[in-house]
Amino acid sequence: MNIGIVGSTGYGGIELYRLLVNHPYTDKCILYTSSQGGNLYSDVYPHLNSIEDEPLRNVDEAEGIDIMFIAAPPGVSAELTPKLLNKGFKVIDLSGDLRLKNGSDYERWYKRPPAPEEILEQAVYGLSELNRVNITETKVLSNPGCYPTASLLGLAPLIHQHAIDPASIIIDAKSGISGAGRKAGLGTHYSELNENFKVYKIGEHQHIPEIEQQLGQWMGEPVTISFTPHLVPMTRGIMATMYVTLTEGISTEMLIESYQSFYEQAPFVRVRKPGSEPQTKEVAGSNFCDIGLKVDERTGRVVIASVIDNLMKGAAGQAVQNYNLMNGWDEQTGLRLVPVYP
């Protein structure tokens, strides 16, 4: 199968390349850019010297592609996806352009014009573990965001069992700085972030409506959450710590058993044993999501800690997992990677 990557010079793009160039069902991996056309990929990323010395191409010249991955900033996919679909390509979009079904919500949170309504209706939300059937049947897939992936996987079993008060959901999330992309900026400057812990976009982060949209679909009613993101001085990783109020009493052991049962057929979700809390380092470089749980009997709340590698399960890894599902392959194909440790 021939695949293309738009936005190949960003962190999501290079991670896609790393996975797809070694994928057993990928014949060609063609790289596209909007800003560095004609440059060699190995000039942009010197660690690819003698591995990938092909020049980057302009996406307007794309042809002979079966599936196009779009790992570009917001706004690109909204314009590009209709053109690619008209060419007969399938699309896996890693940006937020196709995630929100309501175009006015996208305009409000992303401050950009939305994609055409018919494209938003057609796009399937690719949370791999929870939407397999629809993923296998679509031609255009919207890959979930990094914060939503960690948060939704952590909450899904309780939401599906209607075991919590949805109005009580509080998500406290931390991310490594690679989530901000490769472009230099004051907010990710070394001297600004080193030995620092930074909260940002309180109540304004663009992933809030994405999380609420999916929770609302599962609950069958609107859900409003409190979501606070932070940047920590590390390269990779996300930890979403969630606090929710139970509707009835349950022990930590029983809750863990219910999570293990819920994710029994999900090879990339690992539910930790009682007393074993997940760490971002334990999923680095892999497509795993590790979940730890604790019932606080004193307060009647559950504390859920969900960790992922933001560039893998939060972006490229899940995109390749969806690539596998869309084509009827084992979802682990090309992703059986042991986390990098230490």
C-alpha atoms as a PDB file:
ATOM      1  CA  MET A   1       0.000   0.000   0.000  1.00  0.00           C
ATOM      2  CA  ASN A   2       1.240   3.491  -0.869  1.00  0.00           C
ATOM      3  CA  ILE A   3       0.865   6.094   1.854  1.00  0.00           C
ATOM      4  CA  GLY A   4       1.670   9.785   2.055  1.00  0.00           C
ATOM      5  CA  ILE A   5       2.429  12.051   5.000  1.00  0.00           C
ATOM      6  CA  VAL A   6       1.494  15.736   4.889  1.00  0.00           C
ATOM      7  CA  GLY A   7       3.347  17.700   7.547  1.00  0.00           C
ATOM      8  CA  SER A   8       6.228  15.260   7.537  1.00  0.00           C
ATOM      9  CA  THR A   9       8.670  17.798   8.994  1.00  0.00           C
ATOM     10  CA  GLY A  10       6.828  18.093  12.331  1.00  0.00           C
ATOM     11  CA  TYR A  11       7.154  15.826  15.342  1.00  0.00           C
ATOM     12  CA  GLY A  12       3.960  13.950  14.486  1.00  0.00           C
ATOM     13  CA  GLY A  13       5.154  13.537  10.907  1.00  0.00           C
ATOM     14  CA  ILE A  14       8.572  12.152  11.792  1.00  0.00           C
ATOM     15  CA  GLU A  15       6.984   9.729  14.255  1.00  0.00           C
ATOM     16  CA  LEU A  16       4.579   8.563  11.549  1.00  0.00           C
ATOM     17  CA  TYR A  17       7.505   8.032   9.208  1.00  0.00           C
ATOM     18  CA  ARG A  18       9.376   5.989  11.831  1.00  0.00           C
ATOM     19  CA  LEU A  19       6.396   3.665  12.199  1.00  0.00           C
ATOM     20  CA  LEU A  20       5.200   3.470   8.610  1.00  0.00           C
ATOM     21  CA  VAL A  21       8.543   3.011   6.866  1.00  0.00           C
ATOM     22  CA  ASN A  22       8.903  -0.278   8.756  1.00  0.00           C
ATOM     23  CA  HIS A  23       5.243  -1.308   8.479  1.00  0.00           C
ATOM     24  CA  PRO A  24       4.950  -4.697   6.703  1.00  0.00           C
ATOM     25  CA  TYR A  25       2.026  -3.580   4.518  1.00  0.00           C
ATOM     26  CA  THR A  26       3.467  -0.223   3.436  1.00  0.00           C
ATOM     27  CA  ASP A  27       5.092  -0.326  -0.010  1.00  0.00           C
ATOM     28  CA  LYS A  28       5.898   3.361  -0.425  1.00  0.00           C
ATOM     29  CA  CYS A  29       6.033   6.185   2.107  1.00  0.00           C
ATOM     30  CA  ILE A  30       5.947   9.533   0.277  1.00  0.00           C
ATOM     31  CA  LEU A  31       6.665  12.701   2.216  1.00  0.00           C
ATOM     32  CA  TYR A  32       4.978  16.066   1.670  1.00  0.00           C
ATOM     33  CA  THR A  33       5.488  19.545   3.064  1.00  0.00           C
ATOM     34  CA  SER A  34       4.083  23.017   2.558  1.00  0.00           C
ATOM     35  CA  SER A  35       7.224  24.888   3.578  1.00  0.00           C
ATOM     36  CA  GLN A  36      10.336  22.896   2.677  1.00  0.00           C
ATOM     37  CA  GLY A  37       9.580  21.406  -0.742  1.00  0.00           C
ATOM     38  CA  GLY A  38      12.667  20.170  -2.580  1.00  0.00           C
ATOM     39  CA  ASN A  39      14.755  19.767   0.576  1.00  0.00           C
ATOM     40  CA  LEU A  40      15.955  16.302   1.465  1.00  0.00           C
ATOM     41  CA  TYR A  41      14.232  14.744   4.451  1.00  0.00           C
ATOM     42  CA  SER A  42      17.649  13.911   5.847  1.00  0.00           C
ATOM     43  CA  ASP A  43      18.538  17.621   5.710  1.00  0.00           C
ATOM     44  CA  VAL A  44      15.539  18.388   7.912  1.00  0.00           C
ATOM     45  CA  TYR A  45      16.252  15.415  10.200  1.00  0.00           C
ATOM     46  CA  PRO A  46      19.962  14.522   9.959  1.00  0.00           C
ATOM     47  CA  HIS A  47      19.458  11.318  11.952  1.00  0.00           C
ATOM     48  CA  LEU A  48      17.886   9.945   8.741  1.00  0.00           C
ATOM     49  CA  ASN A  49      21.107  10.337   6.759  1.00  0.00           C
ATOM     50  CA  SER A  50      21.413   7.336   4.369  1.00  0.00           C
ATOM     51  CA  ILE A  51      17.982   6.143   5.562  1.00  0.00           C
ATOM     52  CA  GLU A  52      15.707   8.645   3.799  1.00  0.00           C
ATOM     53  CA  ASP A  53      17.421  10.934   1.283  1.00  0.00           C
ATOM     54  CA  GLU A  54      14.401  11.613  -0.950  1.00  0.00           C
ATOM     55  CA  PRO A  55      13.307  15.222  -1.491  1.00  0.00           C
ATOM     56  CA  LEU A  56      10.123  16.470   0.148  1.00  0.00           C
ATOM     57  CA  ARG A  57       7.254  16.983  -2.287  1.00  0.00           C
ATOM     58  CA  ASN A  58       4.421  19.439  -2.734  1.00  0.00           C
ATOM     59  CA  VAL A  59       1.079  17.917  -1.756  1.00  0.00           C
ATOM     60  CA  ASP A  60      -0.608  19.404  -4.854  1.00  0.00           C
ATOM     61  CA  GLU A  61       1.419  16.892  -6.878  1.00  0.00           C
ATOM     62  CA  ALA A  62       0.244  13.874  -4.874  1.00  0.00           C
ATOM     63  CA  GLU A  63      -0.868  10.888  -6.912  1.00  0.00           C
ATOM     64  CA  GLY A  64      -0.955   7.125  -6.578  1.00  0.00           C
ATOM     65  CA  ILE A  65      -1.645   7.321  -2.839  1.00  0.00           C
ATOM     66  CA  ASP A  66      -3.951   4.869  -1.061  1.00  0.00           C
ATOM     67  CA  ILE A  67      -4.064   6.661   2.300  1.00  0.00           C
ATOM     68  CA  MET A  68      -2.863  10.160   3.147  1.00  0.00           C
ATOM     69  CA  PHE A  69      -1.915  10.990   6.723  1.00  0.00           C
ATOM     70  CA  ILE A  70      -2.265  14.679   7.563  1.00  0.00           C
ATOM     71  CA  ALA A  71      -0.018  15.715  10.464  1.00  0.00           C
ATOM     72  CA  ALA A  72      -0.240  19.432   9.781  1.00  0.00           C
ATOM     73  CA  PRO A  73      -1.300  22.359  12.014  1.00  0.00           C
ATOM     74  CA  PRO A  74      -5.015  23.250  12.359  1.00  0.00           C
ATOM     75  CA  GLY A  75      -6.582  24.698   9.226  1.00  0.00           C
ATOM     76  CA  VAL A  76      -4.678  22.602   6.669  1.00  0.00           C
ATOM     77  CA  SER A  77      -6.858  19.499   6.705  1.00  0.00           C
ATOM     78  CA  ALA A  78     -10.104  21.482   6.530  1.00  0.00           C
ATOM     79  CA  GLU A  79      -9.083  22.694   3.063  1.00  0.00           C
ATOM     80  CA  LEU A  80      -7.022  19.704   1.930  1.00  0.00           C
ATOM     81  CA  THR A  81      -9.217  16.735   2.857  1.00  0.00           C
ATOM     82  CA  PRO A  82     -12.003  17.416   0.285  1.00  0.00           C
ATOM     83  CA  LYS A  83      -9.386  17.614  -2.488  1.00  0.00           C
ATOM     84  CA  LEU A  84      -7.750  14.358  -1.408  1.00  0.00           C
ATOM     85  CA  LEU A  85     -11.079  12.533  -1.201  1.00  0.00           C
ATOM     86  CA  ASN A  86     -11.929  13.744  -4.713  1.00  0.00           C
ATOM     87  CA  LYS A  87      -8.685  12.134  -5.885  1.00  0.00           C
ATOM     88  CA  GLY A  88      -9.815   8.831  -4.424  1.00  0.00           C
ATOM     89  CA  PHE A  89      -7.433   8.862  -1.447  1.00  0.00           C
ATOM     90  CA  LYS A  90      -8.470   7.808   2.030  1.00  0.00           C
ATOM     91  CA  VAL A  91      -7.508  10.289   4.763  1.00  0.00           C
ATOM     92  CA  ILE A  92      -6.306   9.942   8.351  1.00  0.00           C
ATOM     93  CA  ASP A  93      -6.194  13.400   9.897  1.00  0.00           C
ATOM     94  CA  LEU A  94      -4.083  13.950  13.019  1.00  0.00           C
ATOM     95  CA  SER A  95      -5.093  17.599  13.458  1.00  0.00           C
ATOM     96  CA  GLY A  96      -8.243  18.808  15.204  1.00  0.00           C
ATOM     97  CA  ASP A  97      -9.952  19.954  12.005  1.00  0.00           C
ATOM     98  CA  LEU A  98     -12.379  17.031  11.677  1.00  0.00           C
ATOM     99  CA  ARG A  99     -12.986  16.063  15.307  1.00  0.00           C
ATOM    100  CA  LEU A 100     -15.837  18.401  16.221  1.00  0.00           C
ATOM    101  CA  LYS A 101     -19.090  17.602  14.474  1.00  0.00           C
ATOM    102  CA  ASN A 102     -20.465  21.104  14.993  1.00  0.00           C
ATOM    103  CA  GLY A 103     -18.611  23.549  12.754  1.00  0.00           C
ATOM    104  CA  SER A 104     -19.501  26.499  14.988  1.00  0.00           C
ATOM    105  CA  ASP A 105     -17.837  24.740  17.932  1.00  0.00           C
ATOM    106  CA  TYR A 106     -14.658  24.383  15.867  1.00  0.00           C
ATOM    107  CA  GLU A 107     -14.787  28.053  14.905  1.00  0.00           C
ATOM    108  CA  ARG A 108     -15.212  29.056  18.557  1.00  0.00           C
ATOM    109  CA  TRP A 109     -12.420  26.924  20.007  1.00  0.00           C
ATOM    110  CA  TYR A 110      -9.895  26.904  17.138  1.00  0.00           C
ATOM    111  CA  LYS A 111     -10.567  30.439  15.856  1.00  0.00           C
ATOM    112  CA  ARG A 112     -10.628  29.184  12.246  1.00  0.00           C
ATOM    113  CA  PRO A 113     -13.228  28.434   9.578  1.00  0.00           C
ATOM    114  CA  PRO A 114     -14.447  24.827   9.865  1.00  0.00           C
ATOM    115  CA  ALA A 115     -14.217  22.072   7.282  1.00  0.00           C
ATOM    116  CA  PRO A 116     -17.241  21.604   4.979  1.00  0.00           C
ATOM    117  CA  GLU A 117     -20.226  20.136   6.799  1.00  0.00           C
ATOM    118  CA  GLU A 118     -20.350  17.048   4.562  1.00  0.00           C
ATOM    119  CA  ILE A 119     -16.736  16.236   5.481  1.00  0.00           C
ATOM    120  CA  LEU A 120     -17.425  16.645   9.221  1.00  0.00           C
ATOM    121  CA  GLU A 121     -20.426  14.323   8.905  1.00  0.00           C
ATOM    122  CA  GLN A 122     -18.370  11.741   7.046  1.00  0.00           C
ATOM    123  CA  ALA A 123     -15.343  11.768   9.351  1.00  0.00           C
ATOM    124  CA  VAL A 124     -15.202   8.942  11.906  1.00  0.00           C
ATOM    125  CA  TYR A 125     -13.701   9.683  15.312  1.00  0.00           C
ATOM    126  CA  GLY A 126     -10.827   7.238  15.597  1.00  0.00           C
ATOM    127  CA  LEU A 127     -10.635   6.338  19.282  1.00  0.00           C
ATOM    128  CA  SER A 128      -9.446   2.883  18.312  1.00  0.00           C
ATOM    129  CA  GLU A 129     -10.585   0.824  21.299  1.00  0.00           C
ATOM    130  CA  LEU A 130     -14.120   2.245  21.400  1.00  0.00           C
ATOM    131  CA  ASN A 131     -15.039   2.701  17.727  1.00  0.00           C
ATOM    132  CA  ARG A 132     -13.597  -0.260  15.814  1.00  0.00           C
ATOM    133  CA  VAL A 133     -16.664  -1.029  13.684  1.00  0.00           C
ATOM    134  CA  ASN A 134     -17.024   2.472  12.259  1.00  0.00           C
ATOM    135  CA  ILE A 135     -13.257   2.793  11.731  1.00  0.00           C
ATOM    136  CA  THR A 136     -13.171  -0.260   9.476  1.00  0.00           C
ATOM    137  CA  GLU A 137     -15.835   1.221   7.198  1.00  0.00           C
ATOM    138  CA  THR A 138     -14.673   4.819   6.737  1.00  0.00           C
ATOM    139  CA  LYS A 139     -12.684   6.672   4.087  1.00  0.00           C
ATOM    140  CA  VAL A 140     -11.916   9.669   6.282  1.00  0.00           C
ATOM    141  CA  LEU A 141     -10.796   9.309   9.874  1.00  0.00           C
ATOM    142  CA  SER A 142     -10.218  11.948  12.523  1.00  0.00           C
ATOM    143  CA  ASN A 143      -7.469  10.839  14.887  1.00  0.00           C
ATOM    144  CA  PRO A 144      -8.187  11.895  18.498  1.00  0.00           C
ATOM    145  CA  GLY A 145      -6.101  14.485  20.302  1.00  0.00           C
ATOM    146  CA  CYS A 146      -3.477  13.530  22.866  1.00  0.00           C
ATOM    147  CA  TYR A 147      -5.244  14.842  25.974  1.00  0.00           C
ATOM    148  CA  PRO A 148      -8.614  13.375  24.867  1.00  0.00           C
ATOM    149  CA  THR A 149      -7.066   9.945  24.230  1.00  0.00           C
ATOM    150  CA  ALA A 150      -5.631   9.684  27.735  1.00  0.00           C
ATOM    151  CA  SER A 151      -8.747  11.182  29.332  1.00  0.00           C
ATOM    152  CA  LEU A 152     -11.391   9.236  27.425  1.00  0.00           C
ATOM    153  CA  LEU A 153      -9.683   5.864  27.810  1.00  0.00           C
ATOM    154  CA  GLY A 154      -9.421   6.536  31.523  1.00  0.00           C
ATOM    155  CA  LEU A 155     -13.103   7.450  31.866  1.00  0.00           C
ATOM    156  CA  ALA A 156     -14.802   5.160  29.328  1.00  0.00           C
ATOM    157  CA  PRO A 157     -15.536   2.110  31.517  1.00  0.00           C
ATOM    158  CA  LEU A 158     -17.168   4.193  34.263  1.00  0.00           C
ATOM    159  CA  ILE A 159     -19.146   6.279  31.759  1.00  0.00           C
ATOM    160  CA  HIS A 160     -20.431   3.209  29.904  1.00  0.00           C
ATOM    161  CA  GLN A 161     -21.506   1.643  33.212  1.00  0.00           C
ATOM    162  CA  HIS A 162     -23.187   4.918  34.325  1.00  0.00           C
ATOM    163  CA  ALA A 163     -21.268   4.494  37.565  1.00  0.00           C
ATOM    164  CA  ILE A 164     -20.338   8.156  38.092  1.00  0.00           C
ATOM    165  CA  ASP A 165     -21.934  11.575  38.181  1.00  0.00           C
ATOM    166  CA  PRO A 166     -20.812  13.124  34.859  1.00  0.00           C
ATOM    167  CA  ALA A 167     -21.115  16.632  36.329  1.00  0.00           C
ATOM    168  CA  SER A 168     -18.322  15.754  38.770  1.00  0.00           C
ATOM    169  CA  ILE A 169     -15.588  15.110  36.188  1.00  0.00           C
ATOM    170  CA  ILE A 170     -12.358  16.994  36.841  1.00  0.00           C
ATOM    171  CA  ILE A 171      -9.344  16.336  34.601  1.00  0.00           C
ATOM    172  CA  ASP A 172      -5.912  17.561  35.644  1.00  0.00           C
ATOM    173  CA  ALA A 173      -3.531  16.866  32.751  1.00  0.00           C
ATOM    174  CA  LYS A 174       0.217  17.267  32.204  1.00  0.00           C
ATOM    175  CA  SER A 175       2.113  17.072  28.920  1.00  0.00           C
ATOM    176  CA  GLY A 176       5.676  17.034  27.693  1.00  0.00           C
ATOM    177  CA  ILE A 177       6.667  19.935  25.467  1.00  0.00           C
ATOM    178  CA  SER A 178       6.797  17.952  22.201  1.00  0.00           C
ATOM    179  CA  GLY A 179       3.018  18.321  22.170  1.00  0.00           C
ATOM    180  CA  ALA A 180       3.522  21.980  21.260  1.00  0.00           C
ATOM    181  CA  GLY A 181       5.211  20.992  17.981  1.00  0.00           C
ATOM    182  CA  ARG A 182       8.632  21.679  16.527  1.00  0.00           C
ATOM    183  CA  LYS A 183       8.223  25.365  15.752  1.00  0.00           C
ATOM    184  CA  ALA A 184      10.218  27.508  18.159  1.00  0.00           C
ATOM    185  CA  GLY A 185       8.361  29.833  20.508  1.00  0.00           C
ATOM    186  CA  LEU A 186       8.721  31.626  23.801  1.00  0.00           C
ATOM    187  CA  GLY A 187       6.313  29.224  25.507  1.00  0.00           C
ATOM    188  CA  THR A 188       8.587  26.259  24.792  1.00  0.00           C
ATOM    189  CA  HIS A 189      11.954  28.019  25.120  1.00  0.00           C
ATOM    190  CA  TYR A 190      14.388  25.976  27.224  1.00  0.00           C
ATOM    191  CA  SER A 191      15.125  28.707  29.721  1.00  0.00           C
ATOM    192  CA  GLU A 192      11.381  29.316  30.184  1.00  0.00           C
ATOM    193  CA  LEU A 193      10.412  25.683  30.806  1.00  0.00           C
ATOM    194  CA  ASN A 194      13.486  24.135  32.406  1.00  0.00           C
ATOM    195  CA  GLU A 195      12.920  23.606  36.138  1.00  0.00           C
ATOM    196  CA  ASN A 196       9.427  25.008  35.674  1.00  0.00           C
ATOM    197  CA  PHE A 197       5.866  23.683  35.894  1.00  0.00           C
ATOM    198  CA  LYS A 198       3.337  25.677  33.884  1.00  0.00           C
ATOM    199  CA  VAL A 199      -0.445  25.768  33.750  1.00  0.00           C
ATOM    200  CA  TYR A 200      -2.005  27.161  30.566  1.00  0.00           C
ATOM    201  CA  LYS A 201      -5.308  27.690  28.715  1.00  0.00           C
ATOM    202  CA  ILE A 202      -7.401  27.224  31.864  1.00  0.00           C
ATOM    203  CA  GLY A 203     -10.937  26.483  30.682  1.00  0.00           C
ATOM    204  CA  GLU A 204      -9.959  27.424  27.123  1.00  0.00           C
ATOM    205  CA  HIS A 205      -8.067  24.459  25.704  1.00  0.00           C
ATOM    206  CA  GLN A 206      -9.313  23.278  22.295  1.00  0.00           C
ATOM    207  CA  HIS A 207      -9.482  19.660  23.476  1.00  0.00           C
ATOM    208  CA  ILE A 208     -12.274  20.448  25.965  1.00  0.00           C
ATOM    209  CA  PRO A 209     -15.148  20.276  23.413  1.00  0.00           C
ATOM    210  CA  GLU A 210     -13.658  17.100  21.919  1.00  0.00           C
ATOM    211  CA  ILE A 211     -13.726  15.338  25.293  1.00  0.00           C
ATOM    212  CA  GLU A 212     -17.196  16.663  26.097  1.00  0.00           C
ATOM    213  CA  GLN A 213     -18.526  15.647  22.682  1.00  0.00           C
ATOM    214  CA  GLN A 214     -17.434  12.024  23.113  1.00  0.00           C
ATOM    215  CA  LEU A 215     -18.558  11.774  26.739  1.00  0.00           C
ATOM    216  CA  GLY A 216     -21.918  13.231  25.722  1.00  0.00           C
ATOM    217  CA  GLN A 217     -22.343  10.626  22.991  1.00  0.00           C
ATOM    218  CA  TRP A 218     -21.649   7.832  25.467  1.00  0.00           C
ATOM    219  CA  MET A 219     -23.958   9.308  28.127  1.00  0.00           C
ATOM    220  CA  GLY A 220     -26.736  10.304  25.727  1.00  0.00           C
ATOM    221  CA  GLU A 221     -26.825  13.805  27.209  1.00  0.00           C
ATOM    222  CA  PRO A 222     -24.564  16.889  27.302  1.00  0.00           C
ATOM    223  CA  VAL A 223     -21.555  16.623  29.608  1.00  0.00           C
ATOM    224  CA  THR A 224     -19.516  19.529  30.969  1.00  0.00           C
ATOM    225  CA  ILE A 225     -16.045  18.932  32.434  1.00  0.00           C
ATOM    226  CA  SER A 226     -13.392  20.873  34.274  1.00  0.00           C
ATOM    227  CA  PHE A 227     -10.124  20.460  32.344  1.00  0.00           C
ATOM    228  CA  THR A 228      -6.785  22.034  33.245  1.00  0.00           C
ATOM    229  CA  PRO A 229      -3.633  21.347  31.169  1.00  0.00           C
ATOM    230  CA  HIS A 230      -0.028  21.836  32.273  1.00  0.00           C
ATOM    231  CA  LEU A 231       3.401  21.720  30.632  1.00  0.00           C
ATOM    232  CA  VAL A 232       6.198  19.865  32.377  1.00  0.00           C
ATOM    233  CA  PRO A 233       9.909  19.997  31.417  1.00  0.00           C
ATOM    234  CA  MET A 234      10.091  16.621  29.669  1.00  0.00           C
ATOM    235  CA  THR A 235      10.020  15.756  25.982  1.00  0.00           C
ATOM    236  CA  ARG A 236       7.368  13.029  25.756  1.00  0.00           C
ATOM    237  CA  GLY A 237       4.423  11.898  27.789  1.00  0.00           C
ATOM    238  CA  ILE A 238       0.975  12.788  29.091  1.00  0.00           C
ATOM    239  CA  MET A 239      -0.563  12.021  32.461  1.00  0.00           C
ATOM    240  CA  ALA A 240      -4.251  12.746  32.900  1.00  0.00           C
ATOM    241  CA  THR A 241      -5.372  12.502  36.514  1.00  0.00           C
ATOM    242  CA  MET A 242      -9.152  12.399  36.779  1.00  0.00           C
ATOM    243  CA  TYR A 243     -11.430  12.846  39.776  1.00  0.00           C
ATOM    244  CA  VAL A 244     -15.023  11.621  39.570  1.00  0.00           C
ATOM    245  CA  THR A 245     -17.828  10.999  42.076  1.00  0.00           C
ATOM    246  CA  LEU A 246     -19.281   7.492  42.258  1.00  0.00           C
ATOM    247  CA  THR A 247     -23.032   6.926  42.136  1.00  0.00           C
ATOM    248  CA  GLU A 248     -22.701   3.855  44.368  1.00  0.00           C
ATOM    249  CA  GLY A 249     -20.043   2.261  46.530  1.00  0.00           C
ATOM    250  CA  ILE A 250     -17.420  -0.016  44.987  1.00  0.00           C
ATOM    251  CA  SER A 251     -13.994  -1.187  46.107  1.00  0.00           C
ATOM    252  CA  THR A 252     -10.746  -0.464  44.289  1.00  0.00           C
ATOM    253  CA  GLU A 253     -10.305  -4.172  43.566  1.00  0.00           C
ATOM    254  CA  MET A 254     -13.784  -4.493  42.032  1.00  0.00           C
ATOM    255  CA  LEU A 255     -13.261  -1.367  39.941  1.00  0.00           C
ATOM    256  CA  ILE A 256      -9.951  -2.638  38.595  1.00  0.00           C
ATOM    257  CA  GLU A 257     -11.593  -5.943  37.681  1.00  0.00           C
ATOM    258  CA  SER A 258     -14.318  -4.100  35.765  1.00  0.00           C
ATOM    259  CA  TYR A 259     -11.691  -2.075  33.864  1.00  0.00           C
ATOM    260  CA  GLN A 260      -9.737  -5.211  33.017  1.00  0.00           C
ATOM    261  CA  SER A 261     -12.907  -6.822  31.694  1.00  0.00           C
ATOM    262  CA  PHE A 262     -13.840  -3.712  29.693  1.00  0.00           C
ATOM    263  CA  TYR A 263     -10.417  -3.607  27.995  1.00  0.00           C
ATOM    264  CA  GLU A 264      -9.955  -7.371  27.685  1.00  0.00           C
ATOM    265  CA  GLN A 265      -9.832  -7.128  23.862  1.00  0.00           C
ATOM    266  CA  ALA A 266      -7.749  -3.935  23.823  1.00  0.00           C
ATOM    267  CA  PRO A 267      -4.065  -4.932  23.534  1.00  0.00           C
ATOM    268  CA  PHE A 268      -2.740  -1.397  24.009  1.00  0.00           C
ATOM    269  CA  VAL A 269      -4.603  -0.573  27.224  1.00  0.00           C
ATOM    270  CA  ARG A 270      -2.947  -1.914  30.357  1.00  0.00           C
ATOM    271  CA  VAL A 271      -4.846  -1.658  33.646  1.00  0.00           C
ATOM    272  CA  ARG A 272      -2.468  -1.607  36.580  1.00  0.00           C
ATOM    273  CA  LYS A 273      -2.738  -3.809  39.669  1.00  0.00           C
ATOM    274  CA  PRO A 274      -3.839  -2.286  42.997  1.00  0.00           C
ATOM    275  CA  GLY A 275      -1.136  -0.074  44.457  1.00  0.00           C
ATOM    276  CA  SER A 276       0.763   0.161  41.131  1.00  0.00           C
ATOM    277  CA  GLU A 277       0.583   3.701  39.793  1.00  0.00           C
ATOM    278  CA  PRO A 278       1.464   4.368  36.119  1.00  0.00           C
ATOM    279  CA  GLN A 279       4.326   6.612  35.033  1.00  0.00           C
ATOM    280  CA  THR A 280       4.914   8.346  31.705  1.00  0.00           C
ATOM    281  CA  LYS A 281       8.364   6.788  31.375  1.00  0.00           C
ATOM    282  CA  GLU A 282       6.782   3.333  31.373  1.00  0.00           C
ATOM    283  CA  VAL A 283       4.955   3.967  28.072  1.00  0.00           C
ATOM    284  CA  ALA A 284       7.574   6.132  26.297  1.00  0.00           C
ATOM    285  CA  GLY A 285       8.066   5.241  22.639  1.00  0.00           C
ATOM    286  CA  SER A 286       5.119   2.818  22.697  1.00  0.00           C
ATOM    287  CA  ASN A 287       1.425   2.770  21.813  1.00  0.00           C
ATOM    288  CA  PHE A 288       0.350   1.733  25.304  1.00  0.00           C
ATOM    289  CA  CYS A 289      -2.069   3.544  27.577  1.00  0.00           C
ATOM    290  CA  ASP A 290      -1.530   2.555  31.217  1.00  0.00           C
ATOM    291  CA  ILE A 291      -4.357   3.195  33.678  1.00  0.00           C
ATOM    292  CA  GLY A 292      -4.196   3.194  37.473  1.00  0.00           C
ATOM    293  CA  LEU A 293      -7.258   3.406  39.748  1.00  0.00           C
ATOM    294  CA  LYS A 294      -8.002   4.131  43.384  1.00  0.00           C
ATOM    295  CA  VAL A 295     -11.335   4.471  45.146  1.00  0.00           C
ATOM    296  CA  ASP A 296     -11.192   7.079  47.890  1.00  0.00           C
ATOM    297  CA  GLU A 297     -13.798   5.660  50.268  1.00  0.00           C
ATOM    298  CA  ARG A 298     -13.586   8.721  52.485  1.00  0.00           C
ATOM    299  CA  THR A 299     -14.763  11.110  49.735  1.00  0.00           C
ATOM    300  CA  GLY A 300     -16.731   8.699  47.538  1.00  0.00           C
ATOM    301  CA  ARG A 301     -14.582   9.630  44.562  1.00  0.00           C
ATOM    302  CA  VAL A 302     -12.393   7.653  42.181  1.00  0.00           C
ATOM    303  CA  VAL A 303      -8.950   8.867  41.191  1.00  0.00           C
ATOM    304  CA  ILE A 304      -7.923   7.659  37.713  1.00  0.00           C
ATOM    305  CA  ALA A 305      -4.402   8.135  36.372  1.00  0.00           C
ATOM    306  CA  SER A 306      -3.980   7.549  32.634  1.00  0.00           C
ATOM    307  CA  VAL A 307      -0.591   7.843  30.903  1.00  0.00           C
ATOM    308  CA  ILE A 308       0.415   7.774  27.237  1.00  0.00           C
ATOM    309  CA  ASP A 309       3.258   8.876  24.993  1.00  0.00           C
ATOM    310  CA  ASN A 310       1.717  11.964  23.381  1.00  0.00           C
ATOM    311  CA  LEU A 311       3.509  11.366  20.057  1.00  0.00           C
ATOM    312  CA  MET A 312       2.527   7.685  19.948  1.00  0.00           C
ATOM    313  CA  LYS A 313      -0.844   6.708  21.433  1.00  0.00           C
ATOM    314  CA  GLY A 314      -1.640  10.438  21.455  1.00  0.00           C
ATOM    315  CA  ALA A 315      -0.851  10.900  17.749  1.00  0.00           C
ATOM    316  CA  ALA A 316       1.171   8.738  15.321  1.00  0.00           C
ATOM    317  CA  GLY A 317       0.806   5.401  17.113  1.00  0.00           C
ATOM    318  CA  GLN A 318      -2.973   5.612  17.276  1.00  0.00           C
ATOM    319  CA  ALA A 319      -3.046   6.815  13.656  1.00  0.00           C
ATOM    320  CA  VAL A 320      -1.188   3.660  12.596  1.00  0.00           C
ATOM    321  CA  GLN A 321      -3.496   1.568  14.793  1.00  0.00           C
ATOM    322  CA  ASN A 322      -6.412   3.098  12.875  1.00  0.00           C
ATOM    323  CA  TYR A 323      -4.578   2.521   9.574  1.00  0.00           C
ATOM    324  CA  ASN A 324      -4.511  -1.164  10.498  1.00  0.00           C
ATOM    325  CA  LEU A 325      -8.179  -1.252  11.463  1.00  0.00           C
ATOM    326  CA  MET A 326      -9.266   0.576   8.285  1.00  0.00           C
ATOM    327  CA  ASN A 327      -7.572  -2.114   6.213  1.00  0.00           C
ATOM    328  CA  GLY A 328      -8.706  -5.147   8.199  1.00  0.00           C
ATOM    329  CA  TRP A 329      -5.260  -5.988   9.593  1.00  0.00           C
ATOM    330  CA  ASP A 330      -4.325  -6.911  13.140  1.00  0.00           C
ATOM    331  CA  GLU A 331      -4.407  -3.568  14.977  1.00  0.00           C
ATOM    332  CA  GLN A 332      -0.988  -4.307  16.519  1.00  0.00           C
ATOM    333  CA  THR A 333       0.763  -4.556  13.143  1.00  0.00           C
ATOM    334  CA  GLY A 334       3.898  -2.425  13.156  1.00  0.00           C
ATOM    335  CA  LEU A 335       3.190  -1.325  16.739  1.00  0.00           C
ATOM    336  CA  ARG A 336       4.510  -4.180  18.844  1.00  0.00           C
ATOM    337  CA  LEU A 337       7.085  -1.903  20.411  1.00  0.00           C
ATOM    338  CA  VAL A 338       8.473  -2.308  23.911  1.00  0.00           C
ATOM    339  CA  PRO A 339       8.536   1.037  25.753  1.00  0.00           C
ATOM    340  CA  VAL A 340      11.935   2.770  25.860  1.00  0.00           C
ATOM    341  CA  TYR A 341      13.339   2.611  29.384  1.00  0.00           C
ATOM    342  CA  PRO A 342      14.922   4.371  31.204  1.00  0.00           C
END
